[in-house]
């Protein structure tokens, strides 16, 4: 742990020899690992039970040492991606020669079936399961019409009002320079006398440039917004890199109530990577070259920004379009 930027990443475009992944998209909910997208859409909503007869819990144990991460939340987000990588499963002895394999999937009614899947090149996999802002980012859920945060996943920074105008919702999905127009809109919205909550949602934010968010920390730290019970920060396993830096700064400098899962990015992080090609296999390893620190004090040893209010997501909530994290932040309005 503590260095989620350093390692070998299956979808890295710098590989000269492609890795291969089985054509599912998985997410680890509180009640198990479920298919949230697939080339064969009939598989969506099924729970993964085993791969070639090896229980998914055991496969995760085998995969865990290979997954770069800042902390356990980061691991939870990325491990399903490595579990789908044919070369990884071949090396661990779960599949033979990285070829076709039976995935045991369980439908909602409890019926189980073995589904034979053939891996595809990582470039084809990433194209099929691309996310709007980061290519394929395995820690996030796919874009969807609902709930609100997934419906706006293609926008780096956006804002609207919810709860009959009593709350401002800010979707902060990529750390890049905010436009003057969105800054003006945010300033106008948060200063409305009707607004009782300002909710900043970082759950889809995989990072970016941590030199660009100063205007946002200034706005959210202003006396109008920075009040206990008014400012909320929503975080999770995909809140990584520069987004983790931002979350740590908001945690350190404001009275924000933090809701959700622990951040995937650490309070102390290593980033700004450079590539190293392994010529014998054609794979590229990323090495972090810079240390970033946002600790509250010298004695701060946290590996993540932990929520004040822990809220996890079940598969039933996700597939029904519910968002218990935002629901909790809005409670009482």
Protein backbone atom coordinates (compact mmCIF):
# COMPACT_ATOMS: atom_id res chain seq x y z
CA UNK A 1 0.00 0.00 0.00
CA UNK A 2 0.78 3.76 -0.04
CA UNK A 3 1.81 3.88 -3.71
CA UNK A 4 -1.09 3.35 -6.07
CA UNK A 5 0.68 5.07 -8.97
CA UNK A 6 3.56 2.56 -9.17
CA UNK A 7 3.00 -0.77 -10.85
CA UNK A 8 1.84 -2.55 -13.97
CA UNK A 9 -1.62 -1.54 -15.18
CA UNK A 10 -3.39 -3.93 -17.59
CA UNK A 11 -4.88 -1.22 -19.81
CA UNK A 12 -1.77 0.94 -20.13
CA UNK A 13 -1.54 2.18 -23.72
CA UNK A 14 2.26 2.21 -23.48
CA UNK A 15 2.43 -1.61 -23.52
CA UNK A 16 4.00 -2.78 -26.77
CA UNK A 17 2.50 -6.23 -26.19
CA UNK A 18 -1.16 -6.08 -25.21
CA UNK A 19 -2.61 -7.79 -22.18
CA UNK A 20 -6.06 -9.35 -22.48
CA UNK A 21 -9.22 -9.09 -20.39
CA UNK A 22 -12.44 -11.06 -20.18
CA UNK A 23 -15.30 -8.95 -21.59
CA UNK A 24 -17.10 -8.11 -18.35
CA UNK A 25 -17.09 -5.05 -16.16
CA UNK A 26 -17.19 -5.87 -12.44
CA UNK A 27 -17.85 -3.85 -9.30
CA UNK A 28 -17.39 -5.00 -5.71
CA UNK A 29 -20.52 -4.07 -3.73
CA UNK A 30 -21.21 -4.75 -0.06
CA UNK A 31 -22.98 -7.99 -1.01
CA UNK A 32 -20.53 -9.32 -3.57
CA UNK A 33 -18.97 -8.74 -6.97
CA UNK A 34 -21.47 -8.08 -9.73
CA UNK A 35 -21.42 -7.62 -13.49
CA UNK A 36 -22.27 -3.95 -14.15
CA UNK A 37 -21.57 -4.05 -17.89
CA UNK A 38 -20.83 -6.74 -20.46
CA UNK A 39 -20.67 -7.31 -24.19
CA UNK A 40 -23.45 -9.83 -23.57
CA UNK A 41 -25.98 -7.57 -21.85
CA UNK A 42 -27.91 -10.53 -20.46
CA UNK A 43 -25.08 -11.02 -17.95
CA UNK A 44 -25.51 -7.57 -16.34
CA UNK A 45 -26.82 -7.84 -12.79
CA UNK A 46 -25.40 -11.30 -12.11
CA UNK A 47 -23.05 -11.99 -9.21
CA UNK A 48 -19.64 -13.52 -9.91
CA UNK A 49 -19.24 -16.70 -7.89
CA UNK A 50 -16.16 -18.41 -9.33
CA UNK A 51 -13.69 -18.54 -12.22
CA UNK A 52 -12.95 -22.06 -13.50
CA UNK A 53 -14.29 -23.41 -10.22
CA UNK A 54 -12.09 -21.22 -8.03
CA UNK A 55 -14.22 -19.15 -5.65
CA UNK A 56 -14.04 -15.41 -6.34
CA UNK A 57 -12.92 -14.81 -2.75
CA UNK A 58 -9.89 -17.03 -3.33
CA UNK A 59 -9.12 -15.37 -6.67
CA UNK A 60 -9.15 -11.99 -4.95
CA UNK A 61 -6.69 -13.28 -2.35
CA UNK A 62 -4.35 -14.41 -5.12
CA UNK A 63 -4.69 -11.15 -7.07
CA UNK A 64 -4.27 -8.79 -4.12
CA UNK A 65 -0.43 -8.69 -3.99
CA UNK A 66 -0.29 -7.64 -7.64
CA UNK A 67 -2.57 -4.61 -7.35
CA UNK A 68 -0.93 -1.18 -6.86
CA UNK A 69 -2.80 0.87 -4.26
CA UNK A 70 -2.63 3.71 -1.79
CA UNK A 71 -4.94 1.89 0.63
CA UNK A 72 -7.59 -0.81 0.95
CA UNK A 73 -10.29 1.35 -0.65
CA UNK A 74 -8.09 1.79 -3.72
CA UNK A 75 -7.51 -1.97 -3.75
CA UNK A 76 -11.26 -2.65 -3.62
CA UNK A 77 -11.74 -0.49 -6.68
CA UNK A 78 -8.92 -1.92 -8.80
CA UNK A 79 -8.80 -5.61 -7.84
CA UNK A 80 -11.75 -6.63 -10.08
CA UNK A 81 -9.81 -5.30 -13.10
CA UNK A 82 -6.82 -7.52 -12.35
CA UNK A 83 -9.16 -10.42 -11.68
CA UNK A 84 -10.37 -10.06 -15.29
CA UNK A 85 -6.87 -9.97 -16.81
CA UNK A 86 -6.10 -13.26 -18.57
CA UNK A 87 -2.31 -13.06 -18.15
CA UNK A 88 -2.74 -12.45 -14.41
CA UNK A 89 -5.07 -15.42 -14.01
CA UNK A 90 -2.75 -17.58 -16.09
CA UNK A 91 0.24 -16.68 -13.93
CA UNK A 92 -1.76 -17.45 -10.78
CA UNK A 93 -2.81 -20.86 -12.13
CA UNK A 94 -6.53 -20.00 -12.28
CA UNK A 95 -6.84 -20.33 -16.08
CA UNK A 96 -4.80 -22.22 -18.67
CA UNK A 97 -2.61 -20.20 -21.06
CA UNK A 98 -4.79 -17.10 -20.66
CA UNK A 99 -7.47 -18.61 -22.89
CA UNK A 100 -11.23 -19.12 -22.64
CA UNK A 101 -12.56 -19.76 -19.15
CA UNK A 102 -15.84 -20.55 -17.44
CA UNK A 103 -17.18 -17.79 -15.19
CA UNK A 104 -19.81 -18.98 -12.72
CA UNK A 105 -22.49 -16.30 -12.49
CA UNK A 106 -25.54 -16.23 -10.23
CA UNK A 107 -28.80 -14.58 -11.27
CA UNK A 108 -31.04 -12.70 -8.83
CA UNK A 109 -33.19 -15.76 -8.23
CA UNK A 110 -30.17 -17.80 -7.16
CA UNK A 111 -29.76 -19.80 -10.36
CA UNK A 112 -26.11 -20.36 -11.27
CA UNK A 113 -24.64 -20.96 -14.70
CA UNK A 114 -21.15 -21.34 -16.15
CA UNK A 115 -20.57 -18.84 -18.93
CA UNK A 116 -17.60 -19.43 -21.25
CA UNK A 117 -15.75 -16.18 -21.93
CA UNK A 118 -12.83 -15.48 -24.27
CA UNK A 119 -10.46 -12.62 -23.40
CA UNK A 120 -10.01 -9.66 -25.73
CA UNK A 121 -7.07 -7.28 -26.20
CA UNK A 122 -6.88 -4.56 -23.55
CA UNK A 123 -7.31 -1.81 -26.17
CA UNK A 124 -10.56 -3.38 -27.37
CA UNK A 125 -11.72 -3.89 -23.78
CA UNK A 126 -10.96 -0.26 -22.83
CA UNK A 127 -12.77 1.01 -25.93
CA UNK A 128 -15.85 -1.08 -25.19
CA UNK A 129 -15.99 -0.08 -21.52
CA UNK A 130 -14.68 3.47 -21.83
CA UNK A 131 -15.67 6.10 -19.26
CA UNK A 132 -16.25 9.69 -20.39
CA UNK A 133 -13.26 11.36 -18.70
CA UNK A 134 -10.54 8.78 -18.03
CA UNK A 135 -10.87 6.13 -20.72
CA UNK A 136 -11.62 2.99 -18.76
CA UNK A 137 -11.40 3.67 -15.03
CA UNK A 138 -12.22 0.39 -13.27
CA UNK A 139 -12.94 1.95 -9.86
CA UNK A 140 -16.04 3.83 -11.05
CA UNK A 141 -19.46 2.62 -12.05
CA UNK A 142 -20.59 3.09 -15.67
CA UNK A 143 -22.37 6.26 -16.75
CA UNK A 144 -26.12 5.88 -16.29
CA UNK A 145 -29.31 7.99 -16.53
CA UNK A 146 -29.63 7.78 -12.75
CA UNK A 147 -28.63 8.39 -10.03
CA UNK A 148 -27.62 12.03 -10.42
CA UNK A 149 -23.84 11.63 -10.08
CA UNK A 150 -23.61 8.93 -12.76
CA UNK A 151 -25.79 10.96 -15.14
CA UNK A 152 -23.22 13.76 -15.10
CA UNK A 153 -20.07 11.68 -15.35
CA UNK A 154 -19.03 13.15 -18.72
CA UNK A 155 -18.63 16.66 -17.27
CA UNK A 156 -15.42 17.60 -15.42
CA UNK A 157 -17.17 20.13 -13.17
CA UNK A 158 -20.86 20.93 -13.07
CA UNK A 159 -23.48 22.16 -10.66
CA UNK A 160 -27.21 22.19 -10.13
CA UNK A 161 -29.70 22.66 -7.32
CA UNK A 162 -31.58 19.80 -5.65
CA UNK A 163 -34.06 19.45 -2.78
CA UNK A 164 -36.28 22.23 -4.12
CA UNK A 165 -33.32 24.58 -4.36
CA UNK A 166 -32.21 24.16 -0.76
CA UNK A 167 -29.00 22.33 -1.74
CA UNK A 168 -26.33 22.98 -4.34
CA UNK A 169 -24.92 19.81 -5.86
CA UNK A 170 -21.43 20.07 -7.39
CA UNK A 171 -20.18 17.18 -9.52
CA UNK A 172 -16.38 17.48 -9.48
CA UNK A 173 -15.26 14.65 -11.74
CA UNK A 174 -11.81 15.64 -13.01
CA UNK A 175 -9.13 17.89 -11.51
CA UNK A 176 -8.53 20.46 -14.22
CA UNK A 177 -8.79 24.25 -14.43
CA UNK A 178 -12.40 25.35 -13.92
CA UNK A 179 -13.76 27.72 -16.53
CA UNK A 180 -14.65 31.28 -15.52
CA UNK A 181 -18.28 30.51 -16.40
CA UNK A 182 -18.58 27.57 -13.98
CA UNK A 183 -16.81 29.54 -11.23
CA UNK A 184 -19.32 32.37 -11.65
CA UNK A 185 -22.20 29.90 -11.56
CA UNK A 186 -20.87 28.20 -8.42
CA UNK A 187 -20.34 31.51 -6.69
CA UNK A 188 -23.90 32.58 -7.49
CA UNK A 189 -25.45 29.28 -6.42
CA UNK A 190 -23.67 28.86 -3.08
CA UNK A 191 -24.42 32.47 -2.06
CA UNK A 192 -28.18 32.08 -2.52
CA UNK A 193 -29.92 32.73 0.82
CA UNK A 194 -32.17 29.73 0.17
CA UNK A 195 -29.25 27.26 0.10
CA UNK A 196 -28.72 25.24 3.27
CA UNK A 197 -26.29 22.62 1.90
CA UNK A 198 -23.40 22.67 -0.53
CA UNK A 199 -22.55 19.10 -1.61
CA UNK A 200 -19.28 18.49 -3.48
CA UNK A 201 -19.22 15.04 -5.07
CA UNK A 202 -15.76 13.55 -5.76
CA UNK A 203 -16.78 9.91 -6.17
CA UNK A 204 -15.97 9.75 -9.91
CA UNK A 205 -12.82 11.86 -9.74
CA UNK A 206 -9.66 9.94 -10.65
CA UNK A 207 -7.37 12.96 -10.45
CA UNK A 208 -5.65 15.39 -12.77
CA UNK A 209 -3.60 18.50 -12.06
CA UNK A 210 -3.50 19.40 -8.37
CA UNK A 211 -2.30 22.93 -9.16
CA UNK A 212 -5.71 23.82 -10.66
CA UNK A 213 -8.15 23.59 -7.76
CA UNK A 214 -7.11 26.61 -5.68
CA UNK A 215 -10.15 28.67 -6.71
CA UNK A 216 -12.43 25.85 -5.55
CA UNK A 217 -10.79 25.40 -2.15
CA UNK A 218 -11.06 29.17 -1.70
CA UNK A 219 -14.77 29.15 -2.59
CA UNK A 220 -15.66 26.16 -0.43
CA UNK A 221 -13.57 27.56 2.42
CA UNK A 222 -15.32 30.93 2.32
CA UNK A 223 -17.44 32.00 5.31
CA UNK A 224 -20.64 31.63 3.26
CA UNK A 225 -20.00 27.92 2.66
CA UNK A 226 -17.60 26.72 5.33
CA UNK A 227 -20.06 25.94 8.10
CA UNK A 228 -20.52 22.63 9.88
CA UNK A 229 -23.68 21.06 8.54
CA UNK A 230 -23.66 23.16 5.36
CA UNK A 231 -20.61 21.86 3.45
CA UNK A 232 -20.57 18.17 2.51
CA UNK A 233 -17.90 16.22 0.61
CA UNK A 234 -18.82 12.89 -1.01
CA UNK A 235 -15.88 10.54 -1.59
CA UNK A 236 -15.17 6.92 -2.44
CA UNK A 237 -12.76 4.31 -3.78
CA UNK A 238 -12.34 6.13 -7.11
CA UNK A 239 -11.38 9.46 -5.47
CA UNK A 240 -7.71 9.18 -6.36
CA UNK A 241 -4.48 11.07 -7.03
CA UNK A 242 -5.11 14.85 -7.31
CA UNK A 243 -8.71 14.25 -6.24
CA UNK A 244 -7.37 12.63 -3.07
CA UNK A 245 -5.14 15.70 -2.58
CA UNK A 246 -8.16 17.99 -2.91
CA UNK A 247 -10.21 15.88 -0.49
CA UNK A 248 -7.40 15.92 2.06
CA UNK A 249 -7.13 19.71 1.78
CA UNK A 250 -10.87 20.18 2.24
CA UNK A 251 -10.74 17.82 5.23
CA UNK A 252 -7.81 19.73 6.72
CA UNK A 253 -8.95 23.28 6.06
CA UNK A 254 -12.76 23.26 6.31
CA UNK A 255 -15.65 22.05 8.46
CA UNK A 256 -16.96 19.75 5.73
CA UNK A 257 -18.90 16.63 6.68
CA UNK A 258 -17.39 13.78 4.64
CA UNK A 259 -19.78 11.05 3.48
CA UNK A 260 -19.24 7.78 1.61
CA UNK A 261 -16.30 5.36 1.51
CA UNK A 262 -12.65 6.16 2.34
CA UNK A 263 -10.87 7.81 -0.57
CA UNK A 264 -8.89 5.60 -2.92
CA UNK A 265 -6.13 8.20 -2.87
CA UNK A 266 -3.98 8.60 0.22
CA UNK A 267 -3.32 11.59 2.45
CA UNK A 268 0.32 11.06 1.55
CA UNK A 269 0.69 10.07 -2.09
CA UNK A 270 3.34 9.35 -4.69
CA UNK A 271 2.50 10.51 -8.21
CA UNK A 272 3.80 12.11 -11.42
CA UNK A 273 4.85 8.81 -12.93
CA UNK A 274 7.31 7.92 -15.67
CA UNK A 275 7.17 4.73 -17.80
CA UNK A 276 9.67 1.88 -17.81
CA UNK A 277 9.33 -0.66 -20.63
CA UNK A 278 10.09 -4.30 -19.80
CA UNK A 279 11.40 -5.35 -23.22
CA UNK A 280 11.32 -9.10 -22.63
CA UNK A 281 7.51 -9.07 -22.28
CA UNK A 282 6.58 -5.74 -23.91
CA UNK A 283 4.82 -4.44 -20.82
CA UNK A 284 5.28 -1.01 -19.27
CA UNK A 285 5.61 -0.35 -15.56
CA UNK A 286 4.78 3.07 -14.13
CA UNK A 287 7.06 4.52 -11.44
CA UNK A 288 5.94 7.42 -9.23
CA UNK A 289 8.50 10.22 -9.08
CA UNK A 290 7.01 12.81 -6.74
CA UNK A 291 5.71 12.85 -3.18
CA UNK A 292 2.55 14.79 -2.26
CA UNK A 293 1.60 15.37 1.37
CA UNK A 294 -1.65 16.80 2.77
CA UNK A 295 -1.45 15.57 6.39
CA UNK A 296 -3.25 17.39 9.18
CA UNK A 297 -0.17 17.13 11.38
CA UNK A 298 3.18 15.36 11.63
CA UNK A 299 1.49 12.55 13.55
CA UNK A 300 -1.16 11.99 10.86
CA UNK A 301 -0.66 8.41 9.65
CA UNK A 302 -3.94 7.93 7.77
CA UNK A 303 -3.78 6.09 4.46
CA UNK A 304 -7.06 7.66 3.25
CA UNK A 305 -9.43 10.51 3.91
CA UNK A 306 -11.99 8.66 5.99
CA UNK A 307 -15.66 9.64 5.96
CA UNK A 308 -17.34 11.14 9.01
CA UNK A 309 -20.39 9.17 7.91
CA UNK A 310 -19.61 5.83 6.29
CA UNK A 311 -22.14 4.86 3.60
CA UNK A 312 -21.57 1.83 1.38
CA UNK A 313 -23.43 0.75 -1.74
CA UNK A 314 -25.24 -2.54 -2.23
CA UNK A 315 -25.96 -4.12 -5.60
CA UNK A 316 -29.72 -3.76 -5.04
CA UNK A 317 -29.35 -0.02 -4.45
CA UNK A 318 -27.22 0.40 -7.55
CA UNK A 319 -29.40 -1.61 -9.92
CA UNK A 320 -32.51 0.21 -8.70
CA UNK A 321 -30.88 3.60 -9.38
CA UNK A 322 -30.60 4.67 -5.75
CA UNK A 323 -27.78 6.77 -4.28
CA UNK A 324 -27.60 6.24 -0.49
CA UNK A 325 -24.55 8.54 -0.20
CA UNK A 326 -26.34 11.58 -1.60
CA UNK A 327 -29.50 10.58 0.28
CA UNK A 328 -27.53 10.72 3.53
CA UNK A 329 -26.03 14.12 2.69
CA UNK A 330 -29.52 15.49 1.98
CA UNK A 331 -31.15 13.99 5.06
CA UNK A 332 -33.09 16.55 7.03
CA UNK A 333 -33.71 18.94 4.15
